[in-house]
Amino acid sequence: MRYFNKFAPFSKHFYKQDACATFLAKKAQKNMDKNLAIARILDANLDRAREGLRVVEEWCRLGLENSDCTDKCKQMRQEIAHWHTSDLRKARDTINDPGTDLSHPQEAIRENIEQLLQANLCRVQEALRVLEEYGKLYDPNMGNAFKKIRYQVYILESELLQSYRYKKLINASLYLVTSSTKNLLKTVESALQGGLTLVQYRKKDVDDIIRLEMAQKLSELCHKYDALFIVNDRADIALEVNADGVHLGQQDIPISLARRILGPNKIIGRSTTNPQEMAKAIAEKADYIGVGPVYATPTKPDKQAAGLDYVKYAAQHSPIPWFAIGGI
């Protein structure tokens, strides 16, 4: 005997509907999960960018007393805050964030202000790149907005590091130029411990390998004490060891070439012996000048001493930092 279920066609139909509804519900849930994840990413990086900028802004304001850089930081923070909507803040879930306990040993080390600034500027730049990419999925205008801010931060970084170095240069009242000694590193460190903030490595009678190795050690030592480190003559070595700049003699490469090698943020000094050379160095955009030799010096036996008259002239007429040197 055969039995006929008159509801069978309808049961199959309802089953298909249920399966379709389940599929759509799962798909909708996945989309909701993706949207929530994107919102959390945006929220976290909006916080990260603003926090990093605030750290930089405080130094611009109270460390450098630079109102222009301070204003730029503030304007960017306000622009970022404009995008930090309540919807994105609601997505925050700090308790369940697996990244809150992650850290790197280097994050706990800040040896000087320059390192602190660079760490926070890199943090801001990385956050802005994330906002630029994920923002495209949230709002078509968000990606372009954060691309513009990211390039503004690159420009700020150049201005800030240049301003920071230049302020240290202006505030330096004593300039140590190294000479041949058996315990050079120990001697320089003693001077740094005493408060010296500007060191030039000068060594002309050794092979480049030895000069490079010592320059690297001195660069690391000076930066440990937050002091400026300058390499004599060699822009290539200055670039390689991350020196703060180079000092050029009258017979060395042009300032413009050194600037192309080192970039716009490094310090370039030029030796001068008279008002004409001083005027030329200033016109070529030297950051500072050496004035001398004030007295006869064994390091330059063929140079006639410029004397105190030129020192007085530099004090009265030089618009850039200058340092009396030679036989002192």
Protein backbone atom coordinates (compact mmCIF):
# COMPACT_ATOMS: atom_id res chain seq x y z
CA MET A 1 0.00 0.00 0.00
CA ARG A 2 1.33 3.43 -0.92
CA TYR A 3 0.76 6.53 1.12
CA PHE A 4 0.71 9.98 -0.34
CA ASN A 5 1.81 12.97 1.74
CA LYS A 6 -0.10 15.86 0.34
CA PHE A 7 2.09 18.33 2.32
CA ALA A 8 5.42 17.03 0.90
CA PRO A 9 5.80 19.66 -1.84
CA PHE A 10 5.13 22.38 0.67
CA SER A 11 7.63 20.85 3.15
CA LYS A 12 10.37 20.94 0.52
CA HIS A 13 9.48 24.51 -0.29
CA PHE A 14 9.63 25.55 3.35
CA TYR A 15 12.93 23.70 3.78
CA LYS A 16 14.45 25.62 0.87
CA GLN A 17 13.18 28.87 2.33
CA ASP A 18 14.67 28.05 5.74
CA ALA A 19 18.02 27.12 4.20
CA CYS A 20 18.06 30.35 2.19
CA ALA A 21 17.14 32.40 5.23
CA THR A 22 19.92 30.73 7.25
CA PHE A 23 22.46 31.41 4.52
CA LEU A 24 21.43 35.06 4.27
CA ALA A 25 21.51 35.42 8.04
CA LYS A 26 25.04 34.00 8.20
CA LYS A 27 26.13 36.25 5.36
CA ALA A 28 24.61 39.27 7.08
CA GLN A 29 26.37 38.31 10.32
CA LYS A 30 29.70 38.01 8.51
CA ASN A 31 29.19 41.45 6.99
CA MET A 32 28.33 42.84 10.42
CA ASP A 33 31.46 41.25 11.87
CA LYS A 34 33.59 42.71 9.07
CA ASN A 35 32.08 46.16 9.54
CA LEU A 36 32.65 45.95 13.28
CA ALA A 37 36.28 44.92 12.75
CA ILE A 38 36.82 47.83 10.35
CA ALA A 39 35.25 50.22 12.85
CA ARG A 40 37.55 48.91 15.61
CA ILE A 41 40.60 49.31 13.36
CA LEU A 42 39.62 52.89 12.55
CA ASP A 43 38.91 53.71 16.20
CA ALA A 44 42.25 52.32 17.40
CA ASN A 45 44.28 54.15 14.77
CA LEU A 46 42.43 57.43 15.22
CA ASP A 47 43.44 57.26 18.89
CA ARG A 48 46.99 56.28 17.98
CA ALA A 49 47.44 59.15 15.52
CA ARG A 50 46.07 61.78 17.89
CA GLU A 51 48.11 60.52 20.85
CA GLY A 52 51.35 60.54 18.85
CA LEU A 53 50.68 64.03 17.55
CA ARG A 54 50.01 65.27 21.06
CA VAL A 55 53.39 63.99 22.24
CA VAL A 56 55.07 65.84 19.35
CA GLU A 57 52.98 68.97 19.92
CA GLU A 58 54.08 69.25 23.56
CA TRP A 59 57.73 69.36 22.52
CA CYS A 60 57.03 71.86 19.74
CA ARG A 61 55.28 74.11 22.24
CA LEU A 62 57.38 73.82 25.39
CA GLY A 63 60.67 72.36 24.16
CA LEU A 64 61.24 74.28 20.94
CA GLU A 65 58.81 77.14 21.66
CA ASN A 66 57.90 76.90 17.99
CA SER A 67 54.39 78.28 17.52
CA ASP A 68 54.23 77.32 13.83
CA CYS A 69 54.90 73.61 14.42
CA THR A 70 52.63 73.66 17.47
CA ASP A 71 49.77 75.07 15.41
CA LYS A 72 50.29 72.49 12.66
CA CYS A 73 50.07 69.65 15.20
CA LYS A 74 46.93 71.11 16.71
CA GLN A 75 45.24 71.57 13.34
CA MET A 76 45.97 67.97 12.36
CA ARG A 77 44.68 66.67 15.69
CA GLN A 78 41.44 68.56 15.19
CA GLU A 79 41.05 67.23 11.65
CA ILE A 80 41.56 63.68 12.92
CA ALA A 81 39.05 64.26 15.74
CA HIS A 82 36.48 65.29 13.13
CA TRP A 83 36.51 61.72 11.78
CA HIS A 84 36.35 60.09 15.21
CA THR A 85 32.57 59.69 15.32
CA SER A 86 30.50 58.16 18.10
CA ASP A 87 29.79 55.13 15.88
CA LEU A 88 33.49 54.34 15.70
CA ARG A 89 34.01 54.90 19.42
CA LYS A 90 31.15 52.49 20.21
CA ALA A 91 33.00 49.74 18.35
CA ARG A 92 35.87 49.87 20.85
CA ASP A 93 36.45 46.67 22.84
CA THR A 94 39.65 47.16 24.80
CA ILE A 95 39.02 44.21 27.13
CA ASN A 96 38.97 41.70 24.27
CA ASP A 97 41.72 43.36 22.23
CA PRO A 98 44.57 40.80 21.90
CA GLY A 99 47.08 43.55 21.13
CA THR A 100 46.94 45.44 24.43
CA ASP A 101 49.47 43.13 26.09
CA LEU A 102 51.88 43.05 23.16
CA SER A 103 55.05 45.13 23.44
CA HIS A 104 58.61 45.31 22.16
CA PRO A 105 61.68 45.96 24.35
CA GLN A 106 62.58 49.01 22.25
CA GLU A 107 59.29 50.67 23.19
CA ALA A 108 60.55 51.06 26.75
CA ILE A 109 63.76 52.83 25.67
CA ARG A 110 63.97 56.51 24.80
CA GLU A 111 67.57 57.69 25.09
CA ASN A 112 67.00 61.27 23.94
CA ILE A 113 64.39 63.72 22.67
CA GLU A 114 65.17 63.09 19.00
CA GLN A 115 64.56 59.36 19.44
CA LEU A 116 61.31 60.08 21.28
CA LEU A 117 60.10 62.41 18.54
CA GLN A 118 60.99 60.03 15.72
CA ALA A 119 59.27 57.11 17.47
CA ASN A 120 56.05 59.08 17.84
CA LEU A 121 56.18 60.54 14.34
CA CYS A 122 56.59 57.02 12.92
CA ARG A 123 53.66 55.91 15.05
CA VAL A 124 51.51 58.71 13.63
CA GLN A 125 52.55 57.98 10.04
CA GLU A 126 51.77 54.27 10.35
CA ALA A 127 48.37 55.01 11.91
CA LEU A 128 47.54 57.48 9.15
CA ARG A 129 48.38 54.92 6.48
CA VAL A 130 46.02 52.42 8.13
CA LEU A 131 43.30 55.08 8.31
CA GLU A 132 43.86 55.94 4.66
CA GLU A 133 43.40 52.33 3.53
CA TYR A 134 40.61 51.11 5.82
CA GLY A 135 38.90 54.48 5.65
CA LYS A 136 38.10 53.81 2.00
CA LEU A 137 35.81 51.00 3.17
CA TYR A 138 34.05 53.28 5.65
CA ASP A 139 33.68 56.57 3.79
CA PRO A 140 34.87 57.39 0.24
CA ASN A 141 36.24 60.74 1.45
CA MET A 142 38.13 59.34 4.41
CA GLY A 143 40.99 57.82 2.41
CA ASN A 144 41.84 61.07 0.63
CA ALA A 145 41.57 63.07 3.85
CA PHE A 146 44.11 60.93 5.67
CA LYS A 147 46.42 60.75 2.68
CA LYS A 148 46.71 64.55 2.84
CA ILE A 149 47.31 64.50 6.58
CA ARG A 150 50.00 61.82 6.17
CA TYR A 151 51.98 64.00 3.78
CA GLN A 152 51.57 66.94 6.14
CA VAL A 153 53.18 64.84 8.87
CA TYR A 154 56.12 64.00 6.58
CA ILE A 155 56.69 67.72 6.05
CA LEU A 156 56.30 68.40 9.77
CA GLU A 157 58.89 65.73 10.54
CA SER A 158 61.47 67.43 8.32
CA GLU A 159 60.75 70.86 9.79
CA LEU A 160 60.74 69.56 13.34
CA LEU A 161 64.02 67.65 13.19
CA GLN A 162 65.68 70.58 11.45
CA SER A 163 64.32 72.99 14.05
CA TYR A 164 65.38 70.70 16.90
CA ARG A 165 68.96 70.40 15.63
CA TYR A 166 69.20 74.10 14.88
CA LYS A 167 68.01 75.10 18.33
CA LYS A 168 70.67 72.87 19.89
CA LEU A 169 73.22 74.46 17.57
CA ILE A 170 72.16 77.97 18.60
CA ASN A 171 72.31 77.08 22.29
CA ALA A 172 75.78 75.51 22.04
CA SER A 173 78.39 77.77 23.64
CA LEU A 174 81.35 75.40 23.33
CA TYR A 175 82.41 73.34 20.31
CA LEU A 176 84.79 70.41 20.80
CA VAL A 177 86.91 69.54 17.76
CA THR A 178 88.77 66.28 18.32
CA SER A 179 92.51 65.84 17.93
CA SER A 180 94.74 62.77 18.01
CA THR A 181 94.59 61.09 21.40
CA LYS A 182 94.88 57.51 22.63
CA ASN A 183 91.61 57.54 24.58
CA LEU A 184 89.41 59.58 22.26
CA LEU A 185 86.09 57.97 23.22
CA LYS A 186 86.79 58.30 26.93
CA THR A 187 87.87 61.93 26.50
CA VAL A 188 84.78 62.84 24.50
CA GLU A 189 82.47 61.05 26.94
CA SER A 190 84.00 62.97 29.84
CA ALA A 191 83.26 66.22 28.01
CA LEU A 192 79.69 65.09 27.28
CA GLN A 193 79.17 64.18 30.92
CA GLY A 194 80.28 67.71 31.76
CA GLY A 195 77.51 69.20 29.63
CA LEU A 196 79.11 69.56 26.19
CA THR A 197 76.49 69.52 23.41
CA LEU A 198 78.51 69.85 20.18
CA VAL A 199 81.34 67.61 18.94
CA GLN A 200 83.23 67.54 15.65
CA TYR A 201 85.26 64.50 14.65
CA ARG A 202 88.41 65.65 12.85
CA LYS A 203 90.94 63.04 11.75
CA LYS A 204 92.75 63.51 8.45
CA ASP A 205 95.72 61.14 8.62
CA VAL A 206 94.03 57.71 8.81
CA ASP A 207 92.47 55.26 6.37
CA ASP A 208 88.78 55.66 5.61
CA ILE A 209 87.90 52.35 7.29
CA ILE A 210 89.38 53.51 10.61
CA ARG A 211 87.82 56.95 10.23
CA LEU A 212 84.42 55.41 9.52
CA GLU A 213 84.59 53.04 12.51
CA MET A 214 85.50 55.83 14.92
CA ALA A 215 82.87 58.16 13.46
CA GLN A 216 80.21 55.49 14.06
CA LYS A 217 81.26 55.06 17.69
CA LEU A 218 81.36 58.81 18.30
CA SER A 219 77.98 59.31 16.65
CA GLU A 220 76.37 56.74 18.93
CA LEU A 221 78.13 58.21 21.97
CA CYS A 222 77.07 61.79 21.23
CA HIS A 223 73.47 60.82 20.56
CA LYS A 224 73.41 58.86 23.82
CA TYR A 225 74.04 62.20 25.58
CA ASP A 226 71.68 64.10 23.25
CA ALA A 227 74.59 66.07 21.77
CA LEU A 228 75.16 67.12 18.17
CA PHE A 229 77.79 65.19 16.23
CA ILE A 230 79.53 66.72 13.22
CA VAL A 231 82.01 65.04 10.85
CA ASN A 232 84.86 67.09 9.44
CA ASP A 233 85.11 67.29 5.63
CA ARG A 234 83.34 64.03 4.72
CA ALA A 235 79.64 64.32 3.91
CA ASP A 236 79.58 60.65 2.84
CA ILE A 237 80.79 59.46 6.24
CA ALA A 238 78.41 61.86 7.99
CA LEU A 239 75.53 60.31 6.06
CA GLU A 240 76.64 56.74 6.77
CA VAL A 241 76.96 57.17 10.56
CA ASN A 242 73.82 59.31 10.93
CA ALA A 243 75.79 62.34 12.06
CA ASP A 244 73.95 65.60 12.62
CA GLY A 245 75.99 67.30 9.93
CA VAL A 246 79.32 68.02 8.30
CA HIS A 247 81.91 70.78 8.64
CA LEU A 248 83.54 71.92 5.40
CA GLY A 249 86.78 73.78 4.83
CA GLN A 250 87.29 76.36 2.10
CA GLN A 251 88.76 73.73 -0.23
CA ASP A 252 86.07 71.11 0.41
CA ILE A 253 82.95 70.35 -1.66
CA PRO A 254 80.34 73.10 -2.19
CA ILE A 255 77.66 73.52 0.46
CA SER A 256 74.99 72.84 -2.17
CA LEU A 257 76.50 69.42 -2.94
CA ALA A 258 76.77 68.54 0.74
CA ARG A 259 73.11 69.51 1.11
CA ARG A 260 72.13 67.16 -1.71
CA ILE A 261 74.07 64.34 -0.06
CA LEU A 262 72.79 64.88 3.47
CA GLY A 263 69.31 66.26 2.84
CA PRO A 264 67.60 69.39 4.15
CA ASN A 265 67.61 68.49 7.86
CA LYS A 266 71.33 68.16 8.54
CA ILE A 267 73.71 70.88 9.74
CA ILE A 268 76.40 72.18 7.40
CA GLY A 269 79.19 74.41 8.66
CA ARG A 270 81.95 76.21 6.78
CA SER A 271 85.37 77.44 7.91
CA THR A 272 85.99 81.14 7.25
CA THR A 273 89.02 83.36 7.78
CA ASN A 274 87.73 86.79 6.78
CA PRO A 275 84.52 88.80 6.21
CA GLN A 276 84.43 87.92 2.50
CA GLU A 277 84.44 84.18 3.17
CA MET A 278 81.83 84.70 5.87
CA ALA A 279 79.52 86.52 3.45
CA LYS A 280 79.99 83.79 0.83
CA ALA A 281 79.20 81.01 3.34
CA ILE A 282 76.04 82.81 4.46
CA ALA A 283 74.95 83.34 0.84
CA GLU A 284 75.46 79.62 0.20
CA LYS A 285 73.18 78.90 3.20
CA ALA A 286 75.66 77.49 5.67
CA ASP A 287 74.03 76.75 9.03
CA TYR A 288 77.01 78.04 10.98
CA ILE A 289 80.57 79.24 10.40
CA GLY A 290 83.92 78.64 12.00
CA VAL A 291 85.77 81.90 12.64
CA GLY A 292 89.54 81.67 12.67
CA PRO A 293 92.13 80.54 13.22
CA VAL A 294 92.03 83.10 16.02
CA TYR A 295 95.61 82.30 17.00
CA ALA A 296 98.39 80.34 15.33
CA THR A 297 97.66 76.62 15.53
CA PRO A 298 99.80 73.54 14.80
CA THR A 299 96.88 71.88 12.99
CA LYS A 300 97.12 74.55 10.28
CA PRO A 301 100.73 75.79 10.31
CA ASP A 302 100.39 77.45 6.90
CA LYS A 303 97.38 79.55 7.96
CA GLN A 304 97.91 83.09 9.17
CA ALA A 305 95.94 83.83 12.33
CA ALA A 306 92.79 85.86 11.68
CA GLY A 307 93.05 87.43 15.12
CA LEU A 308 90.43 88.89 17.41
CA ASP A 309 89.41 91.59 14.93
CA TYR A 310 87.64 89.01 12.78
CA VAL A 311 86.01 87.49 15.87
CA LYS A 312 84.63 90.92 16.76
CA TYR A 313 83.41 91.37 13.19
CA ALA A 314 81.60 88.02 13.26
CA ALA A 315 80.01 88.88 16.60
CA GLN A 316 78.62 92.10 15.14
CA HIS A 317 77.63 90.96 11.65
CA SER A 318 76.97 87.21 11.45
CA PRO A 319 73.23 86.38 11.29
CA ILE A 320 73.98 82.67 11.83
CA PRO A 321 75.77 80.86 14.68
CA TRP A 322 79.55 81.16 14.66
CA PHE A 323 82.38 79.59 16.65
CA ALA A 324 85.83 81.03 17.23
CA ILE A 325 88.41 78.34 16.53
CA GLY A 326 92.15 77.87 16.24
CA GLY A 327 94.83 78.05 18.93
CA ILE A 328 92.27 78.46 21.71
